[in-house]
Structures are given as structure tokens and as C-alpha cells.
């Protein structure tokens, strides 16, 4: 039975959440049609000291959502062509998020957002049914975490 992950799942240490996201399903609903694909690769960005994190140099308008509540989407545009989908983790005021790098047959964060039509309209929205983009636990597990 599918169970939608709620903010409590994401409000934990980022590396723990990253490991546990593997095998979960990213679900996108458009026009009454749901597409769900297994998450097989993620990349964790954890805190102020993570030099690869957008929050490394502090809070900005762009990364502000990373400092907010866990379970919200952080979607940003890169290279003039790709949207990147991240889920915020950990406590408020601690900047952390996990980049969804691969789902199903879509290997690459830009490829998956393009295939599913995910863009910045989801930025700062909660990962839940009413926003049309959420994550479900269906009892499976596999994939890769990049730290």
C-alpha cells in the first residue's frame, strides 16, 4: 500500500533521509493522470559547511526555502535549460536539501524534471497531493546516494 511521506519524514538528519529516499516513488499528477517513478539516485546538501550547497555562502532569495520547513520543494534553473528538483530536510533555519538525481529510466536531474514537466512553479510548495508533486513509500528500496 502506498503511503505519502509527510514533513515528519523529511524533518530528520539529511543523510538519513537521503538513504531512505532510495526506492521511494516520486509522484506527479497532471490533469488527473498520475505518473510515479522510483527514486534511484539522490545527492545530499547538508548545512552551512557543505561547500557544494547553495547555502554555503548564506541565505539568499534563491535558497531561502532551504532554511524553511522540511518537506518543501526547492526547484531552481541551471545552465539556461534545466530545472533541478530538491526536497528540503532537517529543522528550520538549518539549510539542507536533497537533489533528486534519477527516477525510473530518467537518469539525470534535468532529464527527470523535463520528462515530468517539473518546473519552478513547484518551488516553495509542500510535497503533497494538493500541489501535484509528492513522494510515496511503497515498501521498496534500492539506489545510490551521493554526498
N, C-alpha and C. Protein backbone atom coordinates (compact mmCIF):
# COMPACT_ATOMS: atom_id res chain seq x y z
N UNK A 1 0.84 -1.18 0.00
CA UNK A 1 0.00 0.00 0.00
C UNK A 1 0.88 1.24 0.00
N UNK A 2 0.59 2.19 -0.88
CA UNK A 2 1.36 3.42 -0.99
C UNK A 2 1.03 4.37 0.17
N UNK A 3 2.08 4.98 0.73
CA UNK A 3 1.92 5.93 1.83
C UNK A 3 2.69 7.19 1.48
N UNK A 4 1.97 8.33 1.40
CA UNK A 4 2.63 9.59 1.10
C UNK A 4 3.53 10.01 2.28
N UNK A 5 4.76 10.41 1.97
CA UNK A 5 5.68 10.86 3.00
C UNK A 5 5.31 12.28 3.42
N UNK A 6 5.24 12.49 4.71
CA UNK A 6 4.86 13.79 5.27
C UNK A 6 6.10 14.51 5.79
N UNK A 7 5.90 15.73 6.24
CA UNK A 7 7.02 16.57 6.68
C UNK A 7 7.86 15.91 7.78
N UNK A 8 7.23 15.09 8.63
CA UNK A 8 7.98 14.42 9.70
C UNK A 8 9.09 13.53 9.14
N UNK A 9 8.84 12.89 8.01
CA UNK A 9 9.84 12.04 7.37
C UNK A 9 11.07 12.88 7.00
N UNK A 10 10.83 14.07 6.46
CA UNK A 10 11.92 14.92 5.98
C UNK A 10 12.59 15.74 7.08
N UNK A 11 11.94 15.88 8.22
CA UNK A 11 12.48 16.67 9.32
C UNK A 11 13.39 15.82 10.21
N UNK A 12 14.41 15.26 9.57
CA UNK A 12 15.41 14.42 10.23
C UNK A 12 16.75 14.73 9.60
N UNK A 13 17.83 14.15 10.11
CA UNK A 13 19.15 14.39 9.50
C UNK A 13 19.15 14.07 8.00
N UNK A 14 19.73 14.96 7.24
CA UNK A 14 19.70 14.89 5.78
C UNK A 14 20.26 13.58 5.23
N UNK A 15 21.37 13.11 5.75
CA UNK A 15 21.95 11.88 5.21
C UNK A 15 21.08 10.66 5.50
N UNK A 16 20.38 10.67 6.61
CA UNK A 16 19.44 9.58 6.93
C UNK A 16 18.29 9.61 5.93
N UNK A 17 17.72 10.80 5.72
CA UNK A 17 16.61 10.94 4.77
C UNK A 17 17.06 10.54 3.36
N UNK A 18 18.26 10.96 2.96
CA UNK A 18 18.77 10.63 1.62
C UNK A 18 18.81 9.12 1.41
N UNK A 19 19.35 8.39 2.38
CA UNK A 19 19.41 6.92 2.27
C UNK A 19 18.01 6.33 2.17
N UNK A 20 17.09 6.85 2.96
CA UNK A 20 15.75 6.28 3.00
C UNK A 20 14.87 6.70 1.82
N UNK A 21 15.28 7.72 1.06
CA UNK A 21 14.52 8.11 -0.13
C UNK A 21 14.69 7.11 -1.27
N UNK A 22 15.80 6.40 -1.25
CA UNK A 22 16.05 5.42 -2.31
C UNK A 22 14.98 4.34 -2.29
N UNK A 23 14.38 4.10 -3.44
CA UNK A 23 13.31 3.11 -3.54
C UNK A 23 11.93 3.69 -3.30
N UNK A 24 11.86 4.96 -2.85
CA UNK A 24 10.57 5.62 -2.73
C UNK A 24 10.15 6.07 -4.13
N UNK A 25 8.91 6.54 -4.27
CA UNK A 25 8.40 6.93 -5.58
C UNK A 25 8.07 8.41 -5.64
N UNK A 26 8.61 9.07 -6.65
CA UNK A 26 8.24 10.44 -6.94
C UNK A 26 6.95 10.36 -7.75
N UNK A 27 5.93 11.07 -7.29
CA UNK A 27 4.63 11.03 -7.95
C UNK A 27 4.26 12.43 -8.41
N UNK A 28 3.88 12.53 -9.67
CA UNK A 28 3.50 13.80 -10.28
C UNK A 28 2.11 13.62 -10.89
N UNK A 29 1.20 14.52 -10.54
CA UNK A 29 -0.17 14.45 -11.06
C UNK A 29 -0.46 15.67 -11.92
N UNK A 30 -0.90 15.39 -13.16
CA UNK A 30 -1.27 16.46 -14.09
C UNK A 30 -2.53 16.05 -14.81
N UNK A 31 -3.52 16.93 -14.76
CA UNK A 31 -4.76 16.66 -15.48
C UNK A 31 -5.43 15.37 -15.09
N UNK A 32 -5.33 14.99 -13.81
CA UNK A 32 -5.95 13.76 -13.33
C UNK A 32 -5.16 12.50 -13.61
N UNK A 33 -3.99 12.63 -14.23
CA UNK A 33 -3.15 11.47 -14.54
C UNK A 33 -1.92 11.49 -13.65
N UNK A 34 -1.71 10.40 -12.92
CA UNK A 34 -0.53 10.28 -12.04
C UNK A 34 0.57 9.50 -12.74
N UNK A 35 1.78 10.04 -12.63
CA UNK A 35 2.98 9.35 -13.08
C UNK A 35 3.82 9.12 -11.84
N UNK A 36 4.24 7.88 -11.63
CA UNK A 36 5.08 7.59 -10.46
C UNK A 36 6.30 6.79 -10.91
N UNK A 37 7.46 7.23 -10.44
CA UNK A 37 8.72 6.59 -10.80
C UNK A 37 9.59 6.44 -9.55
N UNK A 38 10.27 5.31 -9.47
CA UNK A 38 11.12 5.03 -8.31
C UNK A 38 12.35 5.93 -8.30
N UNK A 39 12.64 6.47 -7.12
CA UNK A 39 13.84 7.28 -6.91
C UNK A 39 15.03 6.33 -6.78
N UNK A 40 16.03 6.51 -7.66
CA UNK A 40 17.17 5.60 -7.66
C UNK A 40 18.50 6.29 -7.36
N UNK A 41 18.51 7.63 -7.38
CA UNK A 41 19.75 8.33 -7.07
C UNK A 41 19.41 9.71 -6.50
N UNK A 42 20.09 10.07 -5.43
CA UNK A 42 19.91 11.37 -4.79
C UNK A 42 21.27 11.95 -4.43
N UNK A 43 21.29 13.26 -4.15
CA UNK A 43 22.51 13.93 -3.73
C UNK A 43 22.17 14.84 -2.57
N UNK A 44 22.86 14.68 -1.45
CA UNK A 44 22.56 15.42 -0.23
C UNK A 44 23.40 16.69 -0.11
N UNK A 45 22.75 17.77 0.32
CA UNK A 45 23.40 19.05 0.64
C UNK A 45 23.04 19.37 2.07
N UNK A 46 24.05 19.34 2.94
CA UNK A 46 23.78 19.32 4.37
C UNK A 46 24.47 20.44 5.13
N UNK A 47 23.78 21.52 5.37
CA UNK A 47 24.22 22.54 6.31
C UNK A 47 25.15 23.60 5.78
N UNK A 48 25.57 24.44 6.71
CA UNK A 48 26.37 25.63 6.42
C UNK A 48 27.78 25.29 5.93
N UNK A 49 28.31 24.15 6.33
CA UNK A 49 29.70 23.80 5.99
C UNK A 49 29.84 23.03 4.68
N UNK A 50 28.74 22.64 4.07
CA UNK A 50 28.76 21.89 2.82
C UNK A 50 29.07 22.85 1.67
N UNK A 51 30.29 22.79 1.17
CA UNK A 51 30.75 23.73 0.14
C UNK A 51 29.99 23.59 -1.18
N UNK A 52 29.36 22.46 -1.42
CA UNK A 52 28.60 22.26 -2.65
C UNK A 52 27.17 22.80 -2.54
N UNK A 53 26.77 23.16 -1.34
CA UNK A 53 25.40 23.63 -1.09
C UNK A 53 25.21 25.08 -1.51
N UNK A 54 24.03 25.39 -2.02
CA UNK A 54 23.70 26.78 -2.33
C UNK A 54 23.69 27.65 -1.08
N UNK A 55 23.57 27.05 0.08
CA UNK A 55 23.51 27.81 1.33
C UNK A 55 24.88 28.04 1.95
N UNK A 56 25.93 27.56 1.32
CA UNK A 56 27.27 27.69 1.89
C UNK A 56 27.65 29.14 2.16
N UNK A 57 27.26 30.04 1.30
CA UNK A 57 27.60 31.45 1.46
C UNK A 57 26.51 32.25 2.17
N UNK A 58 25.50 31.54 2.70
CA UNK A 58 24.44 32.21 3.45
C UNK A 58 23.10 32.22 2.73
N UNK A 59 22.15 32.84 3.38
CA UNK A 59 20.78 32.88 2.88
C UNK A 59 20.65 33.93 1.77
N UNK A 60 19.96 33.54 0.70
CA UNK A 60 19.65 34.45 -0.41
C UNK A 60 18.18 34.26 -0.77
N UNK A 61 17.70 35.11 -1.64
CA UNK A 61 16.32 34.96 -2.12
C UNK A 61 16.14 33.59 -2.78
N UNK A 62 17.14 33.16 -3.56
CA UNK A 62 17.06 31.89 -4.28
C UNK A 62 17.01 30.69 -3.34
N UNK A 63 17.88 30.65 -2.33
CA UNK A 63 17.98 29.46 -1.48
C UNK A 63 17.16 29.55 -0.19
N UNK A 64 16.39 30.60 -0.02
CA UNK A 64 15.65 30.83 1.22
C UNK A 64 14.83 29.61 1.65
N UNK A 65 14.24 28.92 0.71
CA UNK A 65 13.41 27.74 1.03
C UNK A 65 14.22 26.67 1.76
N UNK A 66 15.52 26.58 1.51
CA UNK A 66 16.37 25.59 2.19
C UNK A 66 16.43 25.83 3.70
N UNK A 67 16.15 27.04 4.14
CA UNK A 67 16.17 27.39 5.55
C UNK A 67 14.80 27.21 6.19
N UNK A 68 13.82 26.80 5.41
CA UNK A 68 12.45 26.70 5.88
C UNK A 68 12.08 25.32 6.37
N UNK A 69 10.79 25.04 6.31
CA UNK A 69 10.26 23.78 6.82
C UNK A 69 10.63 22.59 5.93
N UNK A 70 10.87 21.48 6.57
CA UNK A 70 11.18 20.24 5.85
C UNK A 70 9.94 19.78 5.07
N UNK A 71 10.21 19.14 3.93
CA UNK A 71 9.11 18.61 3.13
C UNK A 71 8.62 19.57 2.06
N UNK A 72 9.36 20.64 1.82
CA UNK A 72 9.01 21.59 0.77
C UNK A 72 9.99 21.44 -0.38
N UNK A 73 9.52 21.75 -1.58
CA UNK A 73 10.35 21.63 -2.78
C UNK A 73 11.23 22.87 -2.95
N UNK A 74 12.45 22.63 -3.38
CA UNK A 74 13.38 23.68 -3.79
C UNK A 74 13.70 23.37 -5.25
N UNK A 75 13.15 24.18 -6.14
CA UNK A 75 13.35 23.97 -7.58
C UNK A 75 14.03 25.21 -8.15
N UNK A 76 15.13 25.01 -8.85
CA UNK A 76 15.86 26.13 -9.43
C UNK A 76 16.31 25.78 -10.84
N UNK A 77 16.65 26.79 -11.60
CA UNK A 77 17.01 26.68 -13.01
C UNK A 77 18.53 26.79 -13.15
N UNK A 78 19.15 25.89 -13.95
CA UNK A 78 20.60 25.94 -14.17
C UNK A 78 20.93 25.81 -15.65
N UNK A 79 22.08 26.30 -16.00
CA UNK A 79 22.63 26.19 -17.36
C UNK A 79 21.67 26.69 -18.44
N UNK A 80 20.72 27.52 -18.07
CA UNK A 80 19.79 28.07 -19.04
C UNK A 80 18.87 27.05 -19.66
N UNK A 81 18.81 25.83 -19.07
CA UNK A 81 17.96 24.81 -19.68
C UNK A 81 17.38 23.75 -18.75
N UNK A 82 17.86 23.61 -17.54
CA UNK A 82 17.40 22.53 -16.66
C UNK A 82 16.83 23.04 -15.35
N UNK A 83 15.75 22.41 -14.93
CA UNK A 83 15.18 22.63 -13.60
C UNK A 83 15.74 21.53 -12.70
N UNK A 84 16.11 21.86 -11.48
CA UNK A 84 16.63 20.90 -10.52
C UNK A 84 15.62 20.78 -9.38
N UNK A 85 15.25 19.53 -9.04
CA UNK A 85 14.25 19.25 -8.02
C UNK A 85 14.92 18.77 -6.74
N UNK A 86 14.72 19.52 -5.66
CA UNK A 86 15.26 19.19 -4.34
C UNK A 86 14.13 19.17 -3.34
N UNK A 87 14.28 18.36 -2.29
CA UNK A 87 13.35 18.35 -1.17
C UNK A 87 14.10 18.85 0.07
N UNK A 88 13.52 19.81 0.78
CA UNK A 88 14.15 20.38 1.97
C UNK A 88 14.06 19.39 3.12
N UNK A 89 15.14 19.30 3.89
CA UNK A 89 15.21 18.38 5.02
C UNK A 89 15.68 19.10 6.28
N UNK A 90 15.53 18.42 7.41
CA UNK A 90 16.04 18.92 8.68
C UNK A 90 15.22 20.03 9.29
N UNK A 91 15.72 20.58 10.40
CA UNK A 91 14.97 21.61 11.13
C UNK A 91 15.03 22.96 10.41
N UNK A 92 14.08 23.83 10.74
CA UNK A 92 14.07 25.19 10.20
C UNK A 92 15.35 25.91 10.60
N UNK A 93 15.78 26.81 9.74
CA UNK A 93 16.98 27.63 9.92
C UNK A 93 18.29 26.84 9.76
N UNK A 94 18.19 25.57 9.42
CA UNK A 94 19.38 24.76 9.10
C UNK A 94 19.26 24.40 7.63
N UNK A 95 20.09 24.98 6.76
CA UNK A 95 19.92 24.78 5.32
C UNK A 95 20.36 23.40 4.84
N UNK A 96 19.38 22.62 4.42
CA UNK A 96 19.68 21.27 3.92
C UNK A 96 18.60 20.87 2.92
N UNK A 97 19.02 20.14 1.92
CA UNK A 97 18.08 19.65 0.91
C UNK A 97 18.71 18.47 0.18
N UNK A 98 17.86 17.72 -0.49
CA UNK A 98 18.31 16.55 -1.25
C UNK A 98 17.87 16.72 -2.69
N UNK A 99 18.84 16.67 -3.60
CA UNK A 99 18.57 16.73 -5.03
C UNK A 99 18.13 15.35 -5.51
N UNK A 100 17.00 15.29 -6.19
CA UNK A 100 16.55 14.04 -6.80
C UNK A 100 17.29 13.94 -8.13
N UNK A 101 18.22 12.99 -8.25
CA UNK A 101 19.08 12.87 -9.44
C UNK A 101 18.56 11.92 -10.49
N UNK A 102 17.83 10.88 -10.08
CA UNK A 102 17.34 9.91 -11.05
C UNK A 102 16.08 9.23 -10.54
N UNK A 103 15.13 9.04 -11.46
CA UNK A 103 13.90 8.29 -11.18
C UNK A 103 13.60 7.41 -12.38
N UNK A 104 13.19 6.18 -12.10
CA UNK A 104 12.86 5.27 -13.20
C UNK A 104 13.97 5.25 -14.24
N UNK A 105 13.59 5.41 -15.51
CA UNK A 105 14.57 5.39 -16.60
C UNK A 105 15.19 6.76 -16.87
N UNK A 106 14.83 7.77 -16.08
CA UNK A 106 15.33 9.12 -16.29
C UNK A 106 16.54 9.37 -15.39
N UNK A 107 17.75 9.18 -15.96
CA UNK A 107 18.99 9.35 -15.23
C UNK A 107 19.53 10.74 -15.49
N UNK A 108 19.52 11.55 -14.48
CA UNK A 108 19.97 12.93 -14.57
C UNK A 108 18.87 13.85 -14.07
N UNK A 109 19.24 14.77 -13.18
CA UNK A 109 18.21 15.62 -12.57
C UNK A 109 17.47 16.50 -13.57
N UNK A 110 18.15 16.98 -14.60
CA UNK A 110 17.49 17.79 -15.61
C UNK A 110 16.59 16.97 -16.51
N UNK A 111 17.00 15.76 -16.80
CA UNK A 111 16.19 14.87 -17.64
C UNK A 111 14.89 14.49 -16.96
N UNK A 112 14.95 14.22 -15.66
CA UNK A 112 13.73 13.80 -14.97
C UNK A 112 12.74 14.94 -14.84
N UNK A 113 13.21 16.15 -14.56
CA UNK A 113 12.26 17.27 -14.46
C UNK A 113 11.65 17.59 -15.82
N UNK A 114 12.44 17.49 -16.86
CA UNK A 114 11.92 17.75 -18.21
C UNK A 114 10.87 16.69 -18.58
N UNK A 115 11.17 15.44 -18.30
CA UNK A 115 10.25 14.35 -18.64
C UNK A 115 8.92 14.45 -17.89
N UNK A 116 8.98 14.92 -16.64
CA UNK A 116 7.77 15.00 -15.82
C UNK A 116 7.12 16.39 -15.83
N UNK A 117 7.72 17.34 -16.54
CA UNK A 117 7.16 18.68 -16.60
C UNK A 117 7.25 19.44 -15.28
N UNK A 118 8.31 19.16 -14.52
CA UNK A 118 8.51 19.83 -13.24
C UNK A 118 9.31 21.10 -13.48
N UNK A 119 8.80 22.21 -12.96
CA UNK A 119 9.49 23.49 -13.11
C UNK A 119 9.36 24.31 -11.83
N UNK A 120 9.76 25.57 -11.90
CA UNK A 120 9.79 26.42 -10.71
C UNK A 120 8.42 26.73 -10.13
N UNK A 121 7.36 26.35 -10.80
CA UNK A 121 6.02 26.52 -10.21
C UNK A 121 5.91 25.73 -8.90
N UNK A 122 6.72 24.68 -8.76
CA UNK A 122 6.69 23.86 -7.55
C UNK A 122 7.58 24.42 -6.44
N UNK A 123 8.46 25.36 -6.77
CA UNK A 123 9.38 25.90 -5.77
C UNK A 123 8.60 26.47 -4.58
N UNK A 124 9.06 26.12 -3.38
CA UNK A 124 8.49 26.57 -2.11
C UNK A 124 7.10 26.00 -1.83
N UNK A 125 6.70 24.97 -2.57
CA UNK A 125 5.42 24.31 -2.32
C UNK A 125 5.69 23.03 -1.52
N UNK A 126 4.72 22.65 -0.71
CA UNK A 126 4.87 21.44 0.08
C UNK A 126 4.73 20.21 -0.81
N UNK A 127 5.48 19.17 -0.49
CA UNK A 127 5.41 17.91 -1.23
C UNK A 127 4.17 17.16 -0.76
N UNK A 128 3.06 17.36 -1.45
CA UNK A 128 1.81 16.70 -1.09
C UNK A 128 0.87 16.69 -2.29
N UNK A 129 -0.19 15.90 -2.19
CA UNK A 129 -1.13 15.73 -3.30
C UNK A 129 -1.68 17.04 -3.85
N UNK A 130 -2.04 17.96 -2.97
CA UNK A 130 -2.68 19.18 -3.44
C UNK A 130 -1.77 20.04 -4.31
N UNK A 131 -0.46 19.86 -4.21
CA UNK A 131 0.45 20.60 -5.08
C UNK A 131 0.73 19.84 -6.37
N UNK A 132 0.35 18.56 -6.41
CA UNK A 132 0.56 17.76 -7.62
C UNK A 132 1.91 17.09 -7.71
N UNK A 133 2.71 17.17 -6.64
CA UNK A 133 4.04 16.55 -6.64
C UNK A 133 4.37 16.11 -5.22
N UNK A 134 4.58 14.80 -5.06
CA UNK A 134 4.84 14.26 -3.73
C UNK A 134 5.67 12.98 -3.85
N UNK A 135 6.02 12.42 -2.68
CA UNK A 135 6.82 11.20 -2.63
C UNK A 135 6.06 10.16 -1.82
N UNK A 136 6.06 8.92 -2.32
CA UNK A 136 5.37 7.82 -1.64
C UNK A 136 6.33 6.70 -1.28
N UNK A 137 6.02 6.05 -0.17
CA UNK A 137 6.70 4.83 0.25
C UNK A 137 5.83 3.66 -0.20
N UNK A 138 6.40 2.79 -1.00
CA UNK A 138 5.67 1.60 -1.46
C UNK A 138 6.37 0.33 -1.03
N UNK A 139 7.23 0.45 -0.03
CA UNK A 139 7.88 -0.71 0.56
C UNK A 139 9.06 -1.27 -0.20
N UNK A 140 9.65 -0.52 -1.12
CA UNK A 140 10.81 -1.00 -1.89
C UNK A 140 12.04 -0.20 -1.50
N UNK A 141 13.23 -0.69 -1.91
CA UNK A 141 14.46 0.01 -1.58
C UNK A 141 15.58 -0.35 -2.54
N UNK A 142 16.17 0.64 -3.20
CA UNK A 142 17.42 0.48 -3.94
C UNK A 142 17.84 1.83 -4.50
N UNK A 143 19.10 1.96 -4.87
CA UNK A 143 19.58 3.20 -5.46
C UNK A 143 20.90 3.65 -4.88
N UNK A 144 21.24 4.92 -5.13
CA UNK A 144 22.56 5.44 -4.78
C UNK A 144 22.44 6.86 -4.21
N UNK A 145 23.19 7.09 -3.13
CA UNK A 145 23.27 8.42 -2.52
C UNK A 145 24.64 9.00 -2.83
N UNK A 146 24.66 10.26 -3.25
CA UNK A 146 25.90 10.98 -3.45
C UNK A 146 26.00 12.02 -2.35
N UNK A 147 27.14 12.06 -1.67
CA UNK A 147 27.32 13.02 -0.56
C UNK A 147 28.31 14.08 -0.93
